[in-house]
Amino acid sequence: MPVFAYRGLGADGRSVNGVVDADSARTARGKLRASGIFPTDLNEESNAAQRSAATQALQSEVADLRAHAGLTTLRGPGVQVDLANGVPGPDQGGQTGYLVNFQDVQDIANLLFAQGAEGVSVNGRRITPLSAFSGSAGQVVIDQGPPISSPLKVLAVGDRNRMEAALNDPSAVPDIRAREVQFQLQIHFIGNPDLTLPAYDSSLEIPHVITG
């Protein structure tokens, strides 16, 4: 169906412009008048212009999808959250107490995504809302990547104010706050006006070995 670009006056007398789909210029004018717009200029857009607009819209959608999937570098304001093993108690003879585990990291990442994070990285590795967390004995494995351990640095770019407010709210991450009190889990965060997250790198994953 042809597309017509128009300029005209709205019901309030103000200038308006846009596009309208119609079989003909006459039909286009009728549609505009029915919606309260008096057209002063009406021109049919060429097929090339329509294809160009559609291409630009598609490219924008693909870029948004790539950004959401973590496939592009992301820069902006956000927060930095540092996690470290619990401080040994006096009766532990200098042995490390509580060990940061994958659940701690997952809880923080989920909170940040829920509070407006557009992207998150852990120790320089980009993750997504669908990333899988596992591990044991103080090691954290994300998306089948190499194990990482304390100290852990979580960076998030997005709505800095919302993320800081949530991290300040003890009720937002009650399990982590409980481990902070009971096991001296170390957790600190700070806002930052300019953070950069790398794109997701699938080469960091450990390849599967198939045995016969």
C-alpha atoms as a PDB file:
ATOM      1  CA  MET A   1       0.000   0.000   0.000  1.00  0.00           C
ATOM      2  CA  PRO A   2       1.324   3.464  -0.865  1.00  0.00           C
ATOM      3  CA  VAL A   3       2.580   5.739   1.890  1.00  0.00           C
ATOM      4  CA  PHE A   4       1.917   9.486   1.839  1.00  0.00           C
ATOM      5  CA  ALA A   5       3.923  12.094   3.705  1.00  0.00           C
ATOM      6  CA  TYR A   6       1.829  15.011   4.859  1.00  0.00           C
ATOM      7  CA  ARG A   7       1.968  18.420   6.458  1.00  0.00           C
ATOM      8  CA  GLY A   8      -1.086  20.120   7.826  1.00  0.00           C
ATOM      9  CA  LEU A   9      -2.920  21.742  10.690  1.00  0.00           C
ATOM     10  CA  GLY A  10      -4.288  19.903  13.681  1.00  0.00           C
ATOM     11  CA  ALA A  11      -7.607  20.576  15.386  1.00  0.00           C
ATOM     12  CA  ASP A  12      -5.829  23.029  17.689  1.00  0.00           C
ATOM     13  CA  GLY A  13      -4.401  24.972  14.743  1.00  0.00           C
ATOM     14  CA  ARG A  14      -0.852  23.755  15.249  1.00  0.00           C
ATOM     15  CA  SER A  15       1.348  22.454  12.422  1.00  0.00           C
ATOM     16  CA  VAL A  16       1.674  18.679  12.221  1.00  0.00           C
ATOM     17  CA  ASN A  17       3.444  16.259   9.901  1.00  0.00           C
ATOM     18  CA  GLY A  18       3.791  12.541   9.433  1.00  0.00           C
ATOM     19  CA  VAL A  19       2.915   9.660   7.132  1.00  0.00           C
ATOM     20  CA  VAL A  20      -0.313   7.824   6.376  1.00  0.00           C
ATOM     21  CA  ASP A  21      -1.061   4.584   4.495  1.00  0.00           C
ATOM     22  CA  ALA A  22      -3.724   4.892   1.809  1.00  0.00           C
ATOM     23  CA  ASP A  23      -4.667   3.530  -1.610  1.00  0.00           C
ATOM     24  CA  SER A  24      -4.718   7.022  -3.105  1.00  0.00           C
ATOM     25  CA  ALA A  25      -4.078  10.672  -2.292  1.00  0.00           C
ATOM     26  CA  ARG A  26      -7.835  11.217  -2.035  1.00  0.00           C
ATOM     27  CA  THR A  27      -8.170   8.414   0.498  1.00  0.00           C
ATOM     28  CA  ALA A  28      -5.180   9.765   2.415  1.00  0.00           C
ATOM     29  CA  ARG A  29      -6.787  13.206   2.684  1.00  0.00           C
ATOM     30  CA  GLY A  30     -10.005  11.593   3.883  1.00  0.00           C
ATOM     31  CA  LYS A  31      -8.171   9.644   6.573  1.00  0.00           C
ATOM     32  CA  LEU A  32      -6.395  12.751   7.771  1.00  0.00           C
ATOM     33  CA  ARG A  33      -9.556  14.858   7.908  1.00  0.00           C
ATOM     34  CA  ALA A  34     -11.318  12.062   9.809  1.00  0.00           C
ATOM     35  CA  SER A  35      -8.545  12.178  12.408  1.00  0.00           C
ATOM     36  CA  GLY A  36      -8.855  15.960  12.801  1.00  0.00           C
ATOM     37  CA  ILE A  37      -5.959  16.965  10.544  1.00  0.00           C
ATOM     38  CA  PHE A  38      -6.380  19.399   7.638  1.00  0.00           C
ATOM     39  CA  PRO A  39      -3.645  18.520   5.101  1.00  0.00           C
ATOM     40  CA  THR A  40      -1.866  21.414   3.405  1.00  0.00           C
ATOM     41  CA  ASP A  41       0.759  19.291   1.638  1.00  0.00           C
ATOM     42  CA  LEU A  42       0.550  15.638   0.611  1.00  0.00           C
ATOM     43  CA  ASN A  43       3.128  13.619  -1.332  1.00  0.00           C
ATOM     44  CA  GLU A  44       3.446   9.937  -2.044  1.00  0.00           C
ATOM     45  CA  GLU A  45       6.743   8.535  -0.828  1.00  0.00           C
ATOM     46  CA  SER A  46       8.808   6.535  -3.289  1.00  0.00           C
ATOM     47  CA  ASN A  47       9.303   2.796  -2.835  1.00  0.00           C
ATOM     48  CA  ALA A  48      13.007   3.462  -2.302  1.00  0.00           C
ATOM     49  CA  ALA A  49      12.247   5.823   0.580  1.00  0.00           C
ATOM     50  CA  GLN A  50       9.868   3.293   2.110  1.00  0.00           C
ATOM     51  CA  ARG A  51      12.471   0.540   1.834  1.00  0.00           C
ATOM     52  CA  SER A  52      15.101   2.840   3.330  1.00  0.00           C
ATOM     53  CA  ALA A  53      12.876   3.618   6.316  1.00  0.00           C
ATOM     54  CA  ALA A  54      12.082  -0.072   6.786  1.00  0.00           C
ATOM     55  CA  THR A  55      15.781  -0.937   6.580  1.00  0.00           C
ATOM     56  CA  GLN A  56      16.681   1.684   9.177  1.00  0.00           C
ATOM     57  CA  ALA A  57      13.946   0.411  11.506  1.00  0.00           C
ATOM     58  CA  LEU A  58      15.195  -3.165  11.097  1.00  0.00           C
ATOM     59  CA  GLN A  59      18.812  -2.136  11.713  1.00  0.00           C
ATOM     60  CA  SER A  60      17.758  -0.296  14.862  1.00  0.00           C
ATOM     61  CA  GLU A  61      15.847  -3.352  16.092  1.00  0.00           C
ATOM     62  CA  VAL A  62      18.834  -5.624  15.427  1.00  0.00           C
ATOM     63  CA  ALA A  63      21.129  -3.208  17.288  1.00  0.00           C
ATOM     64  CA  ASP A  64      18.759  -3.235  20.283  1.00  0.00           C
ATOM     65  CA  LEU A  65      18.660  -7.034  20.272  1.00  0.00           C
ATOM     66  CA  ARG A  66      22.456  -7.265  20.076  1.00  0.00           C
ATOM     67  CA  ALA A  67      22.832  -4.834  22.974  1.00  0.00           C
ATOM     68  CA  HIS A  68      20.289  -6.764  25.090  1.00  0.00           C
ATOM     69  CA  ALA A  69      22.125 -10.002  24.347  1.00  0.00           C
ATOM     70  CA  GLY A  70      25.409  -8.423  25.449  1.00  0.00           C
ATOM     71  CA  LEU A  71      26.990  -8.657  21.994  1.00  0.00           C
ATOM     72  CA  THR A  72      28.121  -5.019  21.901  1.00  0.00           C
ATOM     73  CA  THR A  73      30.288  -2.869  24.161  1.00  0.00           C
ATOM     74  CA  LEU A  74      28.180  -0.822  26.571  1.00  0.00           C
ATOM     75  CA  ARG A  75      29.146   2.462  28.211  1.00  0.00           C
ATOM     76  CA  GLY A  76      27.322   4.700  30.661  1.00  0.00           C
ATOM     77  CA  PRO A  77      26.583   5.417  34.316  1.00  0.00           C
ATOM     78  CA  GLY A  78      26.172   2.561  36.735  1.00  0.00           C
ATOM     79  CA  VAL A  79      27.466   0.847  39.851  1.00  0.00           C
ATOM     80  CA  GLN A  80      30.396  -1.305  40.928  1.00  0.00           C
ATOM     81  CA  VAL A  81      29.807  -4.069  43.471  1.00  0.00           C
ATOM     82  CA  ASP A  82      32.787  -5.789  45.117  1.00  0.00           C
ATOM     83  CA  LEU A  83      32.378  -9.212  46.751  1.00  0.00           C
ATOM     84  CA  ALA A  84      35.061 -10.905  48.853  1.00  0.00           C
ATOM     85  CA  ASN A  85      35.365 -13.892  51.181  1.00  0.00           C
ATOM     86  CA  GLY A  86      34.295 -13.514  54.774  1.00  0.00           C
ATOM     87  CA  VAL A  87      36.825 -12.230  57.288  1.00  0.00           C
ATOM     88  CA  PRO A  88      38.108 -15.136  59.472  1.00  0.00           C
ATOM     89  CA  GLY A  89      36.982 -15.059  63.081  1.00  0.00           C
ATOM     90  CA  PRO A  90      39.452 -15.083  65.985  1.00  0.00           C
ATOM     91  CA  ASP A  91      38.779 -18.770  66.627  1.00  0.00           C
ATOM     92  CA  GLN A  92      39.585 -19.834  63.053  1.00  0.00           C
ATOM     93  CA  GLY A  93      43.367 -19.603  63.353  1.00  0.00           C
ATOM     94  CA  GLY A  94      43.743 -17.365  60.299  1.00  0.00           C
ATOM     95  CA  GLN A  95      41.790 -19.712  58.037  1.00  0.00           C
ATOM     96  CA  THR A  96      39.460 -18.164  55.478  1.00  0.00           C
ATOM     97  CA  GLY A  97      35.893 -18.094  56.689  1.00  0.00           C
ATOM     98  CA  TYR A  98      32.925 -17.843  54.354  1.00  0.00           C
ATOM     99  CA  LEU A  99      33.762 -18.261  50.650  1.00  0.00           C
ATOM    100  CA  VAL A 100      31.955 -16.226  48.028  1.00  0.00           C
ATOM    101  CA  ASN A 101      29.895 -18.628  45.926  1.00  0.00           C
ATOM    102  CA  PHE A 102      27.868 -18.540  42.728  1.00  0.00           C
ATOM    103  CA  GLN A 103      24.618 -17.860  44.597  1.00  0.00           C
ATOM    104  CA  ASP A 104      26.041 -14.592  45.960  1.00  0.00           C
ATOM    105  CA  VAL A 105      26.993 -13.435  42.466  1.00  0.00           C
ATOM    106  CA  GLN A 106      23.710 -14.595  40.961  1.00  0.00           C
ATOM    107  CA  ASP A 107      21.688 -12.760  43.607  1.00  0.00           C
ATOM    108  CA  ILE A 108      23.555  -9.499  42.908  1.00  0.00           C
ATOM    109  CA  ALA A 109      23.285  -9.873  39.113  1.00  0.00           C
ATOM    110  CA  ASN A 110      19.559 -10.626  39.277  1.00  0.00           C
ATOM    111  CA  LEU A 111      18.981  -7.618  41.531  1.00  0.00           C
ATOM    112  CA  LEU A 112      20.873  -5.298  39.192  1.00  0.00           C
ATOM    113  CA  PHE A 113      19.009  -6.496  36.096  1.00  0.00           C
ATOM    114  CA  ALA A 114      15.698  -6.129  37.935  1.00  0.00           C
ATOM    115  CA  GLN A 115      16.586  -2.565  38.929  1.00  0.00           C
ATOM    116  CA  GLY A 116      17.396  -1.174  35.500  1.00  0.00           C
ATOM    117  CA  ALA A 117      20.779  -2.588  34.512  1.00  0.00           C
ATOM    118  CA  GLU A 118      21.165  -2.627  30.731  1.00  0.00           C
ATOM    119  CA  GLY A 119      24.305  -4.733  31.000  1.00  0.00           C
ATOM    120  CA  VAL A 120      26.356  -6.513  33.686  1.00  0.00           C
ATOM    121  CA  SER A 121      29.866  -7.936  33.806  1.00  0.00           C
ATOM    122  CA  VAL A 122      31.638 -10.074  36.417  1.00  0.00           C
ATOM    123  CA  ASN A 123      35.424  -9.780  36.640  1.00  0.00           C
ATOM    124  CA  GLY A 124      35.469  -8.326  33.136  1.00  0.00           C
ATOM    125  CA  ARG A 125      33.200 -11.015  31.635  1.00  0.00           C
ATOM    126  CA  ARG A 126      29.876  -9.824  30.169  1.00  0.00           C
ATOM    127  CA  ILE A 127      26.785 -11.710  31.263  1.00  0.00           C
ATOM    128  CA  THR A 128      23.100 -11.519  30.311  1.00  0.00           C
ATOM    129  CA  PRO A 129      19.791 -12.039  32.176  1.00  0.00           C
ATOM    130  CA  LEU A 130      19.875 -15.640  30.874  1.00  0.00           C
ATOM    131  CA  SER A 131      23.381 -16.455  32.104  1.00  0.00           C
ATOM    132  CA  ALA A 132      23.706 -19.670  34.117  1.00  0.00           C
ATOM    133  CA  PHE A 133      25.617 -19.739  37.416  1.00  0.00           C
ATOM    134  CA  SER A 134      27.200 -22.755  39.110  1.00  0.00           C
ATOM    135  CA  GLY A 135      30.293 -23.703  41.097  1.00  0.00           C
ATOM    136  CA  SER A 136      31.526 -25.056  44.428  1.00  0.00           C
ATOM    137  CA  ALA A 137      34.232 -24.567  47.072  1.00  0.00           C
ATOM    138  CA  GLY A 138      34.546 -20.849  46.524  1.00  0.00           C
ATOM    139  CA  GLN A 139      34.646 -21.078  42.720  1.00  0.00           C
ATOM    140  CA  VAL A 140      32.070 -19.428  40.469  1.00  0.00           C
ATOM    141  CA  VAL A 141      31.323 -20.651  36.948  1.00  0.00           C
ATOM    142  CA  ILE A 142      29.246 -18.498  34.600  1.00  0.00           C
ATOM    143  CA  ASP A 143      27.910 -19.849  31.295  1.00  0.00           C
ATOM    144  CA  GLN A 144      30.398 -22.750  31.328  1.00  0.00           C
ATOM    145  CA  GLY A 145      33.289 -20.289  31.394  1.00  0.00           C
ATOM    146  CA  PRO A 146      36.509 -20.676  33.384  1.00  0.00           C
ATOM    147  CA  PRO A 147      36.143 -20.713  37.193  1.00  0.00           C
ATOM    148  CA  ILE A 148      36.632 -17.424  39.017  1.00  0.00           C
ATOM    149  CA  SER A 149      36.940 -16.767  42.726  1.00  0.00           C
ATOM    150  CA  SER A 150      37.128 -14.000  45.348  1.00  0.00           C
ATOM    151  CA  PRO A 151      37.555 -11.106  45.050  1.00  0.00           C
ATOM    152  CA  LEU A 152      34.808 -10.521  42.476  1.00  0.00           C
ATOM    153  CA  LYS A 153      33.962  -7.240  40.798  1.00  0.00           C
ATOM    154  CA  VAL A 154      30.468  -6.818  39.368  1.00  0.00           C
ATOM    155  CA  LEU A 155      29.883  -3.834  37.074  1.00  0.00           C
ATOM    156  CA  ALA A 156      26.442  -2.744  35.911  1.00  0.00           C
ATOM    157  CA  VAL A 157      25.522   0.007  33.433  1.00  0.00           C
ATOM    158  CA  GLY A 158      22.007   1.414  33.537  1.00  0.00           C
ATOM    159  CA  ASP A 159      19.736   3.233  35.969  1.00  0.00           C
ATOM    160  CA  ARG A 160      22.354   4.164  38.564  1.00  0.00           C
ATOM    161  CA  ASN A 161      19.900   5.681  41.051  1.00  0.00           C
ATOM    162  CA  ARG A 162      17.592   2.648  41.096  1.00  0.00           C
ATOM    163  CA  MET A 163      20.474   0.212  41.452  1.00  0.00           C
ATOM    164  CA  GLU A 164      22.086   2.187  44.282  1.00  0.00           C
ATOM    165  CA  ALA A 165      18.740   2.463  46.095  1.00  0.00           C
ATOM    166  CA  ALA A 166      18.197  -1.295  45.840  1.00  0.00           C
ATOM    167  CA  LEU A 167      21.705  -2.109  47.056  1.00  0.00           C
ATOM    168  CA  ASN A 168      21.111   0.196  50.027  1.00  0.00           C
ATOM    169  CA  ASP A 169      17.844  -1.569  50.863  1.00  0.00           C
ATOM    170  CA  PRO A 170      18.452  -4.539  53.232  1.00  0.00           C
ATOM    171  CA  SER A 171      15.149  -6.092  52.157  1.00  0.00           C
ATOM    172  CA  ALA A 172      16.209  -6.205  48.485  1.00  0.00           C
ATOM    173  CA  VAL A 173      18.823  -8.944  48.989  1.00  0.00           C
ATOM    174  CA  PRO A 174      17.972 -10.425  52.395  1.00  0.00           C
ATOM    175  CA  ASP A 175      19.967 -13.634  51.908  1.00  0.00           C
ATOM    176  CA  ILE A 176      23.189 -11.799  51.111  1.00  0.00           C
ATOM    177  CA  ARG A 177      22.632  -9.347  53.970  1.00  0.00           C
ATOM    178  CA  ALA A 178      22.143 -12.306  56.310  1.00  0.00           C
ATOM    179  CA  ARG A 179      25.411 -13.890  55.126  1.00  0.00           C
ATOM    180  CA  GLU A 180      27.112 -10.512  55.514  1.00  0.00           C
ATOM    181  CA  VAL A 181      26.098 -10.424  59.178  1.00  0.00           C
ATOM    182  CA  GLN A 182      26.491 -14.107  60.006  1.00  0.00           C
ATOM    183  CA  PHE A 183      29.628 -14.979  58.014  1.00  0.00           C
ATOM    184  CA  GLN A 184      31.225 -11.520  57.477  1.00  0.00           C
ATOM    185  CA  LEU A 185      30.778 -11.760  53.712  1.00  0.00           C
ATOM    186  CA  GLN A 186      32.346  -8.582  52.355  1.00  0.00           C
ATOM    187  CA  ILE A 187      30.152  -6.580  49.997  1.00  0.00           C
ATOM    188  CA  HIS A 188      30.747  -2.979  48.994  1.00  0.00           C
ATOM    189  CA  PHE A 189      29.320  -0.885  46.179  1.00  0.00           C
ATOM    190  CA  ILE A 190      29.853   2.540  44.689  1.00  0.00           C
ATOM    191  CA  GLY A 191      28.157   4.534  41.934  1.00  0.00           C
ATOM    192  CA  ASN A 192      30.144   5.550  38.879  1.00  0.00           C
ATOM    193  CA  PRO A 193      29.181   8.109  36.203  1.00  0.00           C
ATOM    194  CA  ASP A 194      31.125   6.357  33.446  1.00  0.00           C
ATOM    195  CA  LEU A 195      31.573   2.588  33.194  1.00  0.00           C
ATOM    196  CA  THR A 196      32.404   0.453  30.159  1.00  0.00           C
ATOM    197  CA  LEU A 197      31.357  -3.176  29.768  1.00  0.00           C
ATOM    198  CA  PRO A 198      32.944  -5.470  27.164  1.00  0.00           C
ATOM    199  CA  ALA A 199      30.879  -7.394  24.658  1.00  0.00           C
ATOM    200  CA  TYR A 200      30.047 -11.001  25.480  1.00  0.00           C
ATOM    201  CA  ASP A 201      32.938 -13.260  24.467  1.00  0.00           C
ATOM    202  CA  SER A 202      31.925 -16.858  23.782  1.00  0.00           C
ATOM    203  CA  SER A 203      35.580 -17.830  23.303  1.00  0.00           C
ATOM    204  CA  LEU A 204      35.948 -17.711  27.093  1.00  0.00           C
ATOM    205  CA  GLU A 205      33.726 -20.771  27.406  1.00  0.00           C
ATOM    206  CA  ILE A 206      35.346 -24.115  28.062  1.00  0.00           C
ATOM    207  CA  PRO A 207      34.662 -26.376  25.061  1.00  0.00           C
ATOM    208  CA  HIS A 208      32.846 -29.641  25.614  1.00  0.00           C
ATOM    209  CA  VAL A 209      34.864 -32.794  25.063  1.00  0.00           C
ATOM    210  CA  ILE A 210      32.970 -35.646  23.449  1.00  0.00           C
ATOM    211  CA  THR A 211      34.303 -39.097  24.230  1.00  0.00           C
ATOM    212  CA  GLY A 212      33.427 -42.154  22.310  1.00  0.00           C
END
